[in-house]
Amino acid sequence: MIEISHLTKRYGEHLAVSDLSFTVDSGQIYGFLGPNGAGKSTTMNIMTGCLSATEGSVRIDGHDIFEEPNQAKKLIGYLPEQPPLYMNETPEEYLRFVGEAKGLRGGELERQIDEVISQTGIKEVAHRRISALSKGYKQRVGIAQALLGNPKVIILDEPTVGLDPIQLIEIRDLIKELGQTHTVIFSSHILSEVQTICDQIIMIAKGKLVAFDTPENLEKHLLSPNEVVLTSDDSAAEIRVLLEGVDHITDLTLEETGTGLVTARIKTDLSNVYDLSRTVFFAFATAGKALLELTVKKANLEDIFLELAETDDGASEPPAVEAEIVDSEVAEE
């Protein structure tokens, strides 16, 4: 559906997007994840034809966004980070204006306005001034205008920023519904949001692609659990001696908490970390020692994001693993 190839954008000496390449398939929800300043909005503006690129290409269902802008833009519905709303108009008036600008007329225009009003849940406020609406309803009006023209792709730039918890849930639910009938790409720096909603995650840092895969695969392959953490009231020396008889321990860190307890962090080369936790448990039981706490450190998207975003350099080719992760030491900026 969308092919991004070697996309680069420079502002003078500043490199905002660096040799970005990825492909978006139909019928899925993609989370475009990165810290503030990572290049998310710049990339989205280029993808939608609102901004030129220094180098590279963007093709929407086979149409080059720069060479065939009219054909390509008809396939895209776009909500910028700041919704382009006319505050003195009602949602219905505003949607009629946008629909006409997109070439809709007569009965088809009215049908689509009614459809997007219903789909985005703004019927009860359709005749109020937009300036009087809450932030959540303004976002819904912005999404409604993106849906006019029945585009195949919906691109939303930070659609949940500034919303209260209830509005946040409502917009997330709306994005999930849109994902059933459209390809959806939305940017965010909220990790839990992306993990909850998305089928695929596109992660960028400093304008470079650092990961592209499902949330599950990112967790599995980037930070699979390989650490056991235990707490005991035995001394650090006693714990160290006890664990000397346990195989497959690659690293052991002991920390006295100051309350008479010791925390041990144990890393392993075993593919299944639960095998190690089982061995450690029985080692303590056999020695008659008490384990006050035994946990397995699990991967989470925040750890992955921080690990990847903090690398200085990106690259263009993924390693040979199931998750498409970019080796951060292959290419220089």
C-alpha atoms as a PDB file:
ATOM      1  CA  MET A   1       0.000   0.000   0.000  1.00  0.00           C
ATOM      2  CA  ILE A   2       2.739   2.498   0.961  1.00  0.00           C
ATOM      3  CA  GLU A   3       6.392   2.210  -0.075  1.00  0.00           C
ATOM      4  CA  ILE A   4       8.912   4.560   1.523  1.00  0.00           C
ATOM      5  CA  SER A   5      12.309   4.309  -0.168  1.00  0.00           C
ATOM      6  CA  HIS A   6      15.497   6.027   1.042  1.00  0.00           C
ATOM      7  CA  LEU A   7      13.581   9.044   2.304  1.00  0.00           C
ATOM      8  CA  THR A   8      15.799  11.904   3.467  1.00  0.00           C
ATOM      9  CA  LYS A   9      14.936  15.441   4.575  1.00  0.00           C
ATOM     10  CA  ARG A  10      17.432  18.156   5.414  1.00  0.00           C
ATOM     11  CA  TYR A  11      16.833  21.611   6.825  1.00  0.00           C
ATOM     12  CA  GLY A  12      20.136  23.291   6.086  1.00  0.00           C
ATOM     13  CA  GLU A  13      22.691  21.390   8.145  1.00  0.00           C
ATOM     14  CA  HIS A  14      20.029  19.615  10.203  1.00  0.00           C
ATOM     15  CA  LEU A  15      19.175  16.081   9.095  1.00  0.00           C
ATOM     16  CA  ALA A  16      15.543  15.497  10.145  1.00  0.00           C
ATOM     17  CA  VAL A  17      14.981  12.208   8.283  1.00  0.00           C
ATOM     18  CA  SER A  18      17.856   9.954   7.264  1.00  0.00           C
ATOM     19  CA  ASP A  19      17.574   7.303   4.523  1.00  0.00           C
ATOM     20  CA  LEU A  20      14.244   5.959   5.787  1.00  0.00           C
ATOM     21  CA  SER A  21      12.822   2.877   4.020  1.00  0.00           C
ATOM     22  CA  PHE A  22       9.843   0.699   4.930  1.00  0.00           C
ATOM     23  CA  THR A  23       6.651  -0.746   3.447  1.00  0.00           C
ATOM     24  CA  VAL A  24       3.135  -0.512   4.870  1.00  0.00           C
ATOM     25  CA  ASP A  25       0.622  -3.228   3.928  1.00  0.00           C
ATOM     26  CA  SER A  26      -3.146  -2.884   3.701  1.00  0.00           C
ATOM     27  CA  GLY A  27      -5.587  -3.519   6.511  1.00  0.00           C
ATOM     28  CA  GLN A  28      -3.386  -3.034   9.577  1.00  0.00           C
ATOM     29  CA  ILE A  29      -2.795  -0.415  12.258  1.00  0.00           C
ATOM     30  CA  TYR A  30       0.746   0.913  12.349  1.00  0.00           C
ATOM     31  CA  GLY A  31       2.193   2.818  15.263  1.00  0.00           C
ATOM     32  CA  PHE A  32       4.835   5.359  14.302  1.00  0.00           C
ATOM     33  CA  LEU A  33       6.852   5.573  17.490  1.00  0.00           C
ATOM     34  CA  GLY A  34       9.690   7.849  18.458  1.00  0.00           C
ATOM     35  CA  PRO A  35      10.729  10.531  20.951  1.00  0.00           C
ATOM     36  CA  ASN A  36       9.944  14.171  20.344  1.00  0.00           C
ATOM     37  CA  GLY A  37      12.157  15.414  17.529  1.00  0.00           C
ATOM     38  CA  ALA A  38      12.696  11.940  16.073  1.00  0.00           C
ATOM     39  CA  GLY A  39      11.288  12.958  12.660  1.00  0.00           C
ATOM     40  CA  LYS A  40       7.762  11.507  12.932  1.00  0.00           C
ATOM     41  CA  SER A  41       5.839  14.617  11.861  1.00  0.00           C
ATOM     42  CA  THR A  42       8.352  15.420   9.115  1.00  0.00           C
ATOM     43  CA  THR A  43       7.992  11.912   7.685  1.00  0.00           C
ATOM     44  CA  MET A  44       4.188  12.076   7.830  1.00  0.00           C
ATOM     45  CA  ASN A  45       4.134  15.474   6.119  1.00  0.00           C
ATOM     46  CA  ILE A  46       6.257  14.048   3.318  1.00  0.00           C
ATOM     47  CA  MET A  47       4.106  10.904   3.077  1.00  0.00           C
ATOM     48  CA  THR A  48       0.982  13.037   2.621  1.00  0.00           C
ATOM     49  CA  GLY A  49       2.554  15.390   0.088  1.00  0.00           C
ATOM     50  CA  CYS A  50       2.522  18.400   2.432  1.00  0.00           C
ATOM     51  CA  LEU A  51       6.305  18.633   2.441  1.00  0.00           C
ATOM     52  CA  SER A  52       8.957  17.928  -0.165  1.00  0.00           C
ATOM     53  CA  ALA A  53      11.773  15.471   0.383  1.00  0.00           C
ATOM     54  CA  THR A  54      15.474  16.127  -0.108  1.00  0.00           C
ATOM     55  CA  GLU A  55      15.918  12.596  -1.429  1.00  0.00           C
ATOM     56  CA  GLY A  56      13.914   9.378  -1.781  1.00  0.00           C
ATOM     57  CA  SER A  57      10.412   8.465  -2.858  1.00  0.00           C
ATOM     58  CA  VAL A  58       6.948   7.750  -1.452  1.00  0.00           C
ATOM     59  CA  ARG A  59       4.466   5.613  -3.371  1.00  0.00           C
ATOM     60  CA  ILE A  60       0.836   5.281  -2.315  1.00  0.00           C
ATOM     61  CA  ASP A  61      -0.783   2.226  -3.905  1.00  0.00           C
ATOM     62  CA  GLY A  62       1.646   2.556  -6.803  1.00  0.00           C
ATOM     63  CA  HIS A  63       1.328   6.346  -7.213  1.00  0.00           C
ATOM     64  CA  ASP A  64       4.372   8.506  -6.520  1.00  0.00           C
ATOM     65  CA  ILE A  65       3.358  11.279  -4.103  1.00  0.00           C
ATOM     66  CA  PHE A  66       5.644  13.768  -5.919  1.00  0.00           C
ATOM     67  CA  GLU A  67       5.057  12.696  -9.513  1.00  0.00           C
ATOM     68  CA  GLU A  68       1.317  11.882  -9.240  1.00  0.00           C
ATOM     69  CA  PRO A  69       0.158  13.989  -6.289  1.00  0.00           C
ATOM     70  CA  ASN A  70      -3.521  14.136  -7.220  1.00  0.00           C
ATOM     71  CA  GLN A  71      -3.922  10.363  -7.573  1.00  0.00           C
ATOM     72  CA  ALA A  72      -1.849   9.646  -4.470  1.00  0.00           C
ATOM     73  CA  LYS A  73      -3.518  12.210  -2.202  1.00  0.00           C
ATOM     74  CA  LYS A  74      -6.986  10.884  -3.015  1.00  0.00           C
ATOM     75  CA  LEU A  75      -5.967   7.681  -1.268  1.00  0.00           C
ATOM     76  CA  ILE A  76      -4.949   9.439   1.973  1.00  0.00           C
ATOM     77  CA  GLY A  77      -6.897  10.952   4.837  1.00  0.00           C
ATOM     78  CA  TYR A  78      -4.659  13.084   7.054  1.00  0.00           C
ATOM     79  CA  LEU A  79      -5.013  14.572  10.522  1.00  0.00           C
ATOM     80  CA  PRO A  80      -2.043  16.829  11.370  1.00  0.00           C
ATOM     81  CA  GLU A  81      -0.921  17.259  14.960  1.00  0.00           C
ATOM     82  CA  GLN A  82      -2.810  20.574  14.997  1.00  0.00           C
ATOM     83  CA  PRO A  83      -6.225  19.822  13.404  1.00  0.00           C
ATOM     84  CA  PRO A  84      -6.980  22.396  10.652  1.00  0.00           C
ATOM     85  CA  LEU A  85     -10.396  23.328  12.049  1.00  0.00           C
ATOM     86  CA  TYR A  86     -12.426  26.483  11.423  1.00  0.00           C
ATOM     87  CA  MET A  87     -13.532  27.420  14.922  1.00  0.00           C
ATOM     88  CA  ASN A  88     -16.483  29.619  13.920  1.00  0.00           C
ATOM     89  CA  GLU A  89     -18.123  26.841  11.922  1.00  0.00           C
ATOM     90  CA  THR A  90     -20.097  23.840  13.137  1.00  0.00           C
ATOM     91  CA  PRO A  91     -18.715  20.352  12.464  1.00  0.00           C
ATOM     92  CA  GLU A  92     -21.366  19.835   9.794  1.00  0.00           C
ATOM     93  CA  GLU A  93     -20.479  23.108   8.032  1.00  0.00           C
ATOM     94  CA  TYR A  94     -16.785  22.366   8.260  1.00  0.00           C
ATOM     95  CA  LEU A  95     -17.187  18.836   6.905  1.00  0.00           C
ATOM     96  CA  ARG A  96     -19.259  20.136   4.005  1.00  0.00           C
ATOM     97  CA  PHE A  97     -16.470  22.572   3.141  1.00  0.00           C
ATOM     98  CA  VAL A  98     -13.802  19.843   3.335  1.00  0.00           C
ATOM     99  CA  GLY A  99     -15.949  17.432   1.334  1.00  0.00           C
ATOM    100  CA  GLU A 100     -16.430  19.957  -1.447  1.00  0.00           C
ATOM    101  CA  ALA A 101     -12.697  20.669  -1.451  1.00  0.00           C
ATOM    102  CA  LYS A 102     -12.175  16.928  -1.969  1.00  0.00           C
ATOM    103  CA  GLY A 103     -14.536  16.984  -4.967  1.00  0.00           C
ATOM    104  CA  LEU A 104     -17.672  15.542  -3.355  1.00  0.00           C
ATOM    105  CA  ARG A 105     -21.020  16.931  -4.531  1.00  0.00           C
ATOM    106  CA  GLY A 106     -24.762  16.494  -4.088  1.00  0.00           C
ATOM    107  CA  GLY A 107     -26.152  13.338  -2.566  1.00  0.00           C
ATOM    108  CA  GLU A 108     -22.745  11.665  -2.281  1.00  0.00           C
ATOM    109  CA  LEU A 109     -21.443  14.610  -0.243  1.00  0.00           C
ATOM    110  CA  GLU A 110     -24.406  14.483   2.131  1.00  0.00           C
ATOM    111  CA  ARG A 111     -24.157  10.700   2.449  1.00  0.00           C
ATOM    112  CA  GLN A 112     -20.483  10.802   3.361  1.00  0.00           C
ATOM    113  CA  ILE A 113     -20.964  13.659   5.840  1.00  0.00           C
ATOM    114  CA  ASP A 114     -23.689  11.677   7.624  1.00  0.00           C
ATOM    115  CA  GLU A 115     -21.499   8.569   7.549  1.00  0.00           C
ATOM    116  CA  VAL A 116     -18.362  10.153   9.061  1.00  0.00           C
ATOM    117  CA  ILE A 117     -20.419  12.045  11.664  1.00  0.00           C
ATOM    118  CA  SER A 118     -21.895   8.739  12.787  1.00  0.00           C
ATOM    119  CA  GLN A 119     -18.602   6.868  12.559  1.00  0.00           C
ATOM    120  CA  THR A 120     -16.726   9.365  14.724  1.00  0.00           C
ATOM    121  CA  GLY A 121     -19.546   9.848  17.253  1.00  0.00           C
ATOM    122  CA  ILE A 122     -20.029  13.601  16.815  1.00  0.00           C
ATOM    123  CA  LYS A 123     -23.728  13.642  15.909  1.00  0.00           C
ATOM    124  CA  GLU A 124     -24.785  15.304  19.168  1.00  0.00           C
ATOM    125  CA  VAL A 125     -22.356  18.200  18.601  1.00  0.00           C
ATOM    126  CA  ALA A 126     -22.703  18.471  14.805  1.00  0.00           C
ATOM    127  CA  HIS A 127     -24.516  21.841  15.062  1.00  0.00           C
ATOM    128  CA  ARG A 128     -22.402  23.468  17.780  1.00  0.00           C
ATOM    129  CA  ARG A 129     -19.553  25.821  17.038  1.00  0.00           C
ATOM    130  CA  ILE A 130     -16.251  23.949  16.917  1.00  0.00           C
ATOM    131  CA  SER A 131     -14.726  26.564  19.243  1.00  0.00           C
ATOM    132  CA  ALA A 132     -17.127  25.421  21.976  1.00  0.00           C
ATOM    133  CA  LEU A 133     -16.212  21.739  21.704  1.00  0.00           C
ATOM    134  CA  SER A 134     -13.912  19.806  24.018  1.00  0.00           C
ATOM    135  CA  LYS A 135     -10.455  18.743  22.868  1.00  0.00           C
ATOM    136  CA  GLY A 136     -11.721  15.193  22.390  1.00  0.00           C
ATOM    137  CA  TYR A 137     -14.580  16.257  20.119  1.00  0.00           C
ATOM    138  CA  LYS A 138     -12.258  18.537  18.136  1.00  0.00           C
ATOM    139  CA  GLN A 139     -10.018  15.534  17.519  1.00  0.00           C
ATOM    140  CA  ARG A 140     -13.046  13.552  16.387  1.00  0.00           C
ATOM    141  CA  VAL A 141     -14.010  16.317  13.943  1.00  0.00           C
ATOM    142  CA  GLY A 142     -10.426  16.259  12.649  1.00  0.00           C
ATOM    143  CA  ILE A 143     -10.606  12.497  12.139  1.00  0.00           C
ATOM    144  CA  ALA A 144     -14.011  12.883  10.449  1.00  0.00           C
ATOM    145  CA  GLN A 145     -12.576  15.251   7.823  1.00  0.00           C
ATOM    146  CA  ALA A 146      -9.768  12.752   7.184  1.00  0.00           C
ATOM    147  CA  LEU A 147     -12.356  10.068   6.452  1.00  0.00           C
ATOM    148  CA  LEU A 148     -14.191  12.088   3.803  1.00  0.00           C
ATOM    149  CA  GLY A 149     -13.525  10.811   0.296  1.00  0.00           C
ATOM    150  CA  ASN A 150     -13.244   7.233   1.601  1.00  0.00           C
ATOM    151  CA  PRO A 151      -9.432   7.087   1.539  1.00  0.00           C
ATOM    152  CA  LYS A 152      -7.652   3.768   1.799  1.00  0.00           C
ATOM    153  CA  VAL A 153      -5.071   5.114   4.253  1.00  0.00           C
ATOM    154  CA  ILE A 154      -5.696   7.180   7.381  1.00  0.00           C
ATOM    155  CA  ILE A 155      -2.642   9.015   8.769  1.00  0.00           C
ATOM    156  CA  LEU A 156      -2.988  10.577  12.221  1.00  0.00           C
ATOM    157  CA  ASP A 157      -0.232  12.680  13.783  1.00  0.00           C
ATOM    158  CA  GLU A 158      -0.337  12.487  17.603  1.00  0.00           C
ATOM    159  CA  PRO A 159      -4.157  12.074  17.676  1.00  0.00           C
ATOM    160  CA  THR A 160      -4.359  11.597  21.457  1.00  0.00           C
ATOM    161  CA  VAL A 161      -2.083  14.406  22.645  1.00  0.00           C
ATOM    162  CA  GLY A 162      -3.679  16.646  25.261  1.00  0.00           C
ATOM    163  CA  LEU A 163      -6.712  14.429  25.884  1.00  0.00           C
ATOM    164  CA  ASP A 164      -8.074  13.524  29.296  1.00  0.00           C
ATOM    165  CA  PRO A 165      -8.211   9.808  30.253  1.00  0.00           C
ATOM    166  CA  ILE A 166     -11.808   9.313  29.068  1.00  0.00           C
ATOM    167  CA  GLN A 167     -11.201  11.088  25.763  1.00  0.00           C
ATOM    168  CA  LEU A 168      -8.004   9.077  25.364  1.00  0.00           C
ATOM    169  CA  ILE A 169      -9.873   5.778  25.619  1.00  0.00           C
ATOM    170  CA  GLU A 170     -12.558   6.978  23.201  1.00  0.00           C
ATOM    171  CA  ILE A 171     -10.055   8.029  20.523  1.00  0.00           C
ATOM    172  CA  ARG A 172      -8.105   4.780  20.928  1.00  0.00           C
ATOM    173  CA  ASP A 173     -11.316   2.802  20.455  1.00  0.00           C
ATOM    174  CA  LEU A 174     -12.110   4.870  17.376  1.00  0.00           C
ATOM    175  CA  ILE A 175      -8.676   4.136  15.896  1.00  0.00           C
ATOM    176  CA  LYS A 176      -9.244   0.422  16.478  1.00  0.00           C
ATOM    177  CA  GLU A 177     -12.583   0.641  14.636  1.00  0.00           C
ATOM    178  CA  LEU A 178     -10.993   2.505  11.728  1.00  0.00           C
ATOM    179  CA  GLY A 179      -8.385  -0.242  11.502  1.00  0.00           C
ATOM    180  CA  GLN A 180     -11.110  -2.714  10.540  1.00  0.00           C
ATOM    181  CA  THR A 181     -11.807  -0.898   7.256  1.00  0.00           C
ATOM    182  CA  HIS A 182      -8.690   1.209   6.593  1.00  0.00           C
ATOM    183  CA  THR A 183      -4.937   1.073   6.797  1.00  0.00           C
ATOM    184  CA  VAL A 184      -4.134   3.341   9.751  1.00  0.00           C
ATOM    185  CA  ILE A 185      -0.820   4.962  10.618  1.00  0.00           C
ATOM    186  CA  PHE A 186      -0.657   7.061  13.738  1.00  0.00           C
ATOM    187  CA  SER A 187       2.286   8.630  15.487  1.00  0.00           C
ATOM    188  CA  SER A 188       2.804   8.701  19.223  1.00  0.00           C
ATOM    189  CA  HIS A 189       5.474   8.800  21.895  1.00  0.00           C
ATOM    190  CA  ILE A 190       3.162   7.031  24.370  1.00  0.00           C
ATOM    191  CA  LEU A 191       4.504   3.494  24.550  1.00  0.00           C
ATOM    192  CA  SER A 192       1.495   1.828  26.178  1.00  0.00           C
ATOM    193  CA  GLU A 193      -0.801   3.378  23.585  1.00  0.00           C
ATOM    194  CA  VAL A 194       1.121   1.969  20.641  1.00  0.00           C
ATOM    195  CA  GLN A 195       1.452  -1.433  22.288  1.00  0.00           C
ATOM    196  CA  THR A 196      -2.307  -1.597  22.961  1.00  0.00           C
ATOM    197  CA  ILE A 197      -3.592  -0.525  19.560  1.00  0.00           C
ATOM    198  CA  CYS A 198      -1.094  -1.489  16.877  1.00  0.00           C
ATOM    199  CA  ASP A 199      -0.539  -4.543  14.733  1.00  0.00           C
ATOM    200  CA  GLN A 200       2.901  -3.255  13.707  1.00  0.00           C
ATOM    201  CA  ILE A 201       5.346  -0.768  15.197  1.00  0.00           C
ATOM    202  CA  ILE A 202       7.606   1.497  13.158  1.00  0.00           C
ATOM    203  CA  MET A 203      10.198   2.869  15.543  1.00  0.00           C
ATOM    204  CA  ILE A 204      12.479   5.744  14.601  1.00  0.00           C
ATOM    205  CA  ALA A 205      15.128   7.711  16.478  1.00  0.00           C
ATOM    206  CA  LYS A 206      17.071  10.719  15.216  1.00  0.00           C
ATOM    207  CA  GLY A 207      15.375  10.371  11.839  1.00  0.00           C
ATOM    208  CA  LYS A 208      16.450   6.759  11.320  1.00  0.00           C
ATOM    209  CA  LEU A 209      14.561   3.493  11.309  1.00  0.00           C
ATOM    210  CA  VAL A 210      15.606   1.413  14.305  1.00  0.00           C
ATOM    211  CA  ALA A 211      12.872  -1.252  14.425  1.00  0.00           C
ATOM    212  CA  PHE A 212       9.852  -2.448  12.453  1.00  0.00           C
ATOM    213  CA  ASP A 213       7.848  -5.434  13.689  1.00  0.00           C
ATOM    214  CA  THR A 214       4.930  -6.533  15.825  1.00  0.00           C
ATOM    215  CA  PRO A 215       4.958  -5.572  19.523  1.00  0.00           C
ATOM    216  CA  GLU A 216       5.218  -9.254  20.419  1.00  0.00           C
ATOM    217  CA  ASN A 217       8.242  -9.880  18.200  1.00  0.00           C
ATOM    218  CA  LEU A 218      10.002  -6.770  19.392  1.00  0.00           C
ATOM    219  CA  GLU A 219       9.678  -7.978  22.960  1.00  0.00           C
ATOM    220  CA  LYS A 220      10.616 -11.545  22.088  1.00  0.00           C
ATOM    221  CA  HIS A 221      13.724 -10.842  20.021  1.00  0.00           C
ATOM    222  CA  LEU A 222      15.068  -7.596  21.400  1.00  0.00           C
ATOM    223  CA  LEU A 223      14.710  -8.046  25.108  1.00  0.00           C
ATOM    224  CA  SER A 224      13.648 -11.610  25.754  1.00  0.00           C
ATOM    225  CA  PRO A 225      13.711 -12.308  29.505  1.00  0.00           C
ATOM    226  CA  ASN A 226      17.154 -13.515  30.546  1.00  0.00           C
ATOM    227  CA  GLU A 227      17.393 -12.268  34.102  1.00  0.00           C
ATOM    228  CA  VAL A 228      16.191 -13.645  37.418  1.00  0.00           C
ATOM    229  CA  VAL A 229      15.917 -11.301  40.403  1.00  0.00           C
ATOM    230  CA  LEU A 230      15.700 -12.707  43.926  1.00  0.00           C
ATOM    231  CA  THR A 231      15.563 -11.312  47.440  1.00  0.00           C
ATOM    232  CA  SER A 232      16.877 -13.189  50.475  1.00  0.00           C
ATOM    233  CA  ASP A 233      17.702 -12.484  54.118  1.00  0.00           C
ATOM    234  CA  ASP A 234      20.967 -14.441  53.784  1.00  0.00           C
ATOM    235  CA  SER A 235      24.251 -12.569  53.451  1.00  0.00           C
ATOM    236  CA  ALA A 236      25.712 -11.700  50.067  1.00  0.00           C
ATOM    237  CA  ALA A 237      28.588 -14.113  50.710  1.00  0.00           C
ATOM    238  CA  GLU A 238      26.210 -16.987  51.501  1.00  0.00           C
ATOM    239  CA  ILE A 239      24.149 -16.333  48.372  1.00  0.00           C
ATOM    240  CA  ARG A 240      27.260 -16.201  46.198  1.00  0.00           C
ATOM    241  CA  VAL A 241      28.508 -19.552  47.531  1.00  0.00           C
ATOM    242  CA  LEU A 242      25.086 -21.142  47.081  1.00  0.00           C
ATOM    243  CA  LEU A 243      24.800 -19.982  43.460  1.00  0.00           C
ATOM    244  CA  GLU A 244      28.299 -21.183  42.541  1.00  0.00           C
ATOM    245  CA  GLY A 245      26.784 -24.639  42.086  1.00  0.00           C
ATOM    246  CA  VAL A 246      24.175 -23.434  39.570  1.00  0.00           C
ATOM    247  CA  ASP A 247      25.097 -23.815  35.898  1.00  0.00           C
ATOM    248  CA  HIS A 248      24.404 -21.329  33.090  1.00  0.00           C
ATOM    249  CA  ILE A 249      24.812 -18.195  35.216  1.00  0.00           C
ATOM    250  CA  THR A 250      26.663 -15.630  33.108  1.00  0.00           C
ATOM    251  CA  ASP A 251      26.522 -12.707  35.517  1.00  0.00           C
ATOM    252  CA  LEU A 252      25.683 -12.242  39.181  1.00  0.00           C
ATOM    253  CA  THR A 253      25.132  -8.896  40.899  1.00  0.00           C
ATOM    254  CA  LEU A 254      24.485  -8.700  44.636  1.00  0.00           C
ATOM    255  CA  GLU A 255      23.139  -5.620  46.393  1.00  0.00           C
ATOM    256  CA  GLU A 256      22.505  -5.099  50.084  1.00  0.00           C
ATOM    257  CA  THR A 257      19.313  -3.111  50.574  1.00  0.00           C
ATOM    258  CA  GLY A 258      20.137  -1.704  53.989  1.00  0.00           C
ATOM    259  CA  THR A 259      17.233  -3.484  55.652  1.00  0.00           C
ATOM    260  CA  GLY A 260      19.077  -6.731  56.248  1.00  0.00           C
ATOM    261  CA  LEU A 261      18.035  -8.104  52.852  1.00  0.00           C
ATOM    262  CA  VAL A 262      20.097  -8.845  49.750  1.00  0.00           C
ATOM    263  CA  THR A 263      18.926  -8.565  46.149  1.00  0.00           C
ATOM    264  CA  ALA A 264      20.607 -10.785  43.567  1.00  0.00           C
ATOM    265  CA  ARG A 265      20.340 -10.180  39.823  1.00  0.00           C
ATOM    266  CA  ILE A 266      21.254 -13.291  37.840  1.00  0.00           C
ATOM    267  CA  LYS A 267      21.742 -13.399  34.075  1.00  0.00           C
ATOM    268  CA  THR A 268      21.834 -16.603  32.060  1.00  0.00           C
ATOM    269  CA  ASP A 269      22.657 -17.933  28.615  1.00  0.00           C
ATOM    270  CA  LEU A 270      19.684 -20.324  28.712  1.00  0.00           C
ATOM    271  CA  SER A 271      17.049 -19.732  26.046  1.00  0.00           C
ATOM    272  CA  ASN A 272      14.328 -20.402  28.628  1.00  0.00           C
ATOM    273  CA  VAL A 273      14.973 -18.264  31.688  1.00  0.00           C
ATOM    274  CA  TYR A 274      12.376 -20.232  33.657  1.00  0.00           C
ATOM    275  CA  ASP A 275      14.760 -23.195  33.642  1.00  0.00           C
ATOM    276  CA  LEU A 276      17.198 -21.060  35.608  1.00  0.00           C
ATOM    277  CA  SER A 277      14.552 -19.801  38.043  1.00  0.00           C
ATOM    278  CA  ARG A 278      13.504 -23.391  38.712  1.00  0.00           C
ATOM    279  CA  THR A 279      17.115 -24.447  39.408  1.00  0.00           C
ATOM    280  CA  VAL A 280      17.700 -21.458  41.684  1.00  0.00           C
ATOM    281  CA  PHE A 281      14.516 -22.186  43.623  1.00  0.00           C
ATOM    282  CA  PHE A 282      15.523 -25.787  44.322  1.00  0.00           C
ATOM    283  CA  ALA A 283      19.090 -24.741  45.170  1.00  0.00           C
ATOM    284  CA  PHE A 284      17.753 -22.533  47.952  1.00  0.00           C
ATOM    285  CA  ALA A 285      15.236 -25.172  49.065  1.00  0.00           C
ATOM    286  CA  THR A 286      17.891 -27.902  49.250  1.00  0.00           C
ATOM    287  CA  ALA A 287      20.140 -25.654  51.333  1.00  0.00           C
ATOM    288  CA  GLY A 288      17.262 -24.790  53.654  1.00  0.00           C
ATOM    289  CA  LYS A 289      17.465 -21.126  52.708  1.00  0.00           C
ATOM    290  CA  ALA A 290      14.483 -18.823  52.338  1.00  0.00           C
ATOM    291  CA  LEU A 291      13.629 -17.057  49.089  1.00  0.00           C
ATOM    292  CA  LEU A 292      11.606 -13.999  50.018  1.00  0.00           C
ATOM    293  CA  GLU A 293      11.051 -13.051  46.398  1.00  0.00           C
ATOM    294  CA  LEU A 294      11.880 -14.605  43.027  1.00  0.00           C
ATOM    295  CA  THR A 295      10.945 -12.856  39.785  1.00  0.00           C
ATOM    296  CA  VAL A 296      11.828 -13.046  36.100  1.00  0.00           C
ATOM    297  CA  LYS A 297      12.635  -9.772  34.413  1.00  0.00           C
ATOM    298  CA  LYS A 298      10.262  -9.520  31.456  1.00  0.00           C
ATOM    299  CA  ALA A 299      10.723  -7.543  28.313  1.00  0.00           C
ATOM    300  CA  ASN A 300       8.589  -4.487  27.792  1.00  0.00           C
ATOM    301  CA  LEU A 301       8.246  -1.957  24.995  1.00  0.00           C
ATOM    302  CA  GLU A 302       9.616   0.865  27.117  1.00  0.00           C
ATOM    303  CA  ASP A 303      12.914  -0.963  27.655  1.00  0.00           C
ATOM    304  CA  ILE A 304      13.156  -1.690  23.931  1.00  0.00           C
ATOM    305  CA  PHE A 305      12.375   1.894  23.023  1.00  0.00           C
ATOM    306  CA  LEU A 306      14.953   3.343  25.392  1.00  0.00           C
ATOM    307  CA  GLU A 307      17.607   0.879  24.248  1.00  0.00           C
ATOM    308  CA  LEU A 308      17.083   1.661  20.568  1.00  0.00           C
ATOM    309  CA  ALA A 309      16.437   5.396  20.859  1.00  0.00           C
ATOM    310  CA  GLU A 310      19.625   5.981  22.818  1.00  0.00           C
ATOM    311  CA  THR A 311      21.908   4.538  20.119  1.00  0.00           C
ATOM    312  CA  ASP A 312      23.932   7.188  18.321  1.00  0.00           C
ATOM    313  CA  ASP A 313      23.786   5.744  14.839  1.00  0.00           C
ATOM    314  CA  GLY A 314      21.222   3.939  12.714  1.00  0.00           C
ATOM    315  CA  ALA A 315      21.539   1.633   9.749  1.00  0.00           C
ATOM    316  CA  SER A 316      19.687   0.518   6.682  1.00  0.00           C
ATOM    317  CA  GLU A 317      19.768  -3.258   6.796  1.00  0.00           C
ATOM    318  CA  PRO A 318      18.152  -5.530   9.411  1.00  0.00           C
ATOM    319  CA  PRO A 319      20.007  -8.528  10.797  1.00  0.00           C
ATOM    320  CA  ALA A 320      18.895 -12.064  10.012  1.00  0.00           C
ATOM    321  CA  VAL A 321      16.340 -12.488  12.778  1.00  0.00           C
ATOM    322  CA  GLU A 322      12.582 -12.723  12.739  1.00  0.00           C
ATOM    323  CA  ALA A 323      12.167  -9.191  14.068  1.00  0.00           C
ATOM    324  CA  GLU A 324      13.200  -6.542  11.572  1.00  0.00           C
ATOM    325  CA  ILE A 325      15.686  -4.627  13.717  1.00  0.00           C
ATOM    326  CA  VAL A 326      18.200  -2.213  12.298  1.00  0.00           C
ATOM    327  CA  ASP A 327      21.830  -2.743  13.359  1.00  0.00           C
ATOM    328  CA  SER A 328      22.863   0.554  14.925  1.00  0.00           C
ATOM    329  CA  GLU A 329      26.555   0.145  14.127  1.00  0.00           C
ATOM    330  CA  VAL A 330      26.508  -0.543  10.400  1.00  0.00           C
ATOM    331  CA  ALA A 331      25.960   2.903   8.892  1.00  0.00           C
ATOM    332  CA  GLU A 332      27.134   6.359   9.793  1.00  0.00           C
ATOM    333  CA  GLU A 333      24.887   9.371   9.519  1.00  0.00           C
END
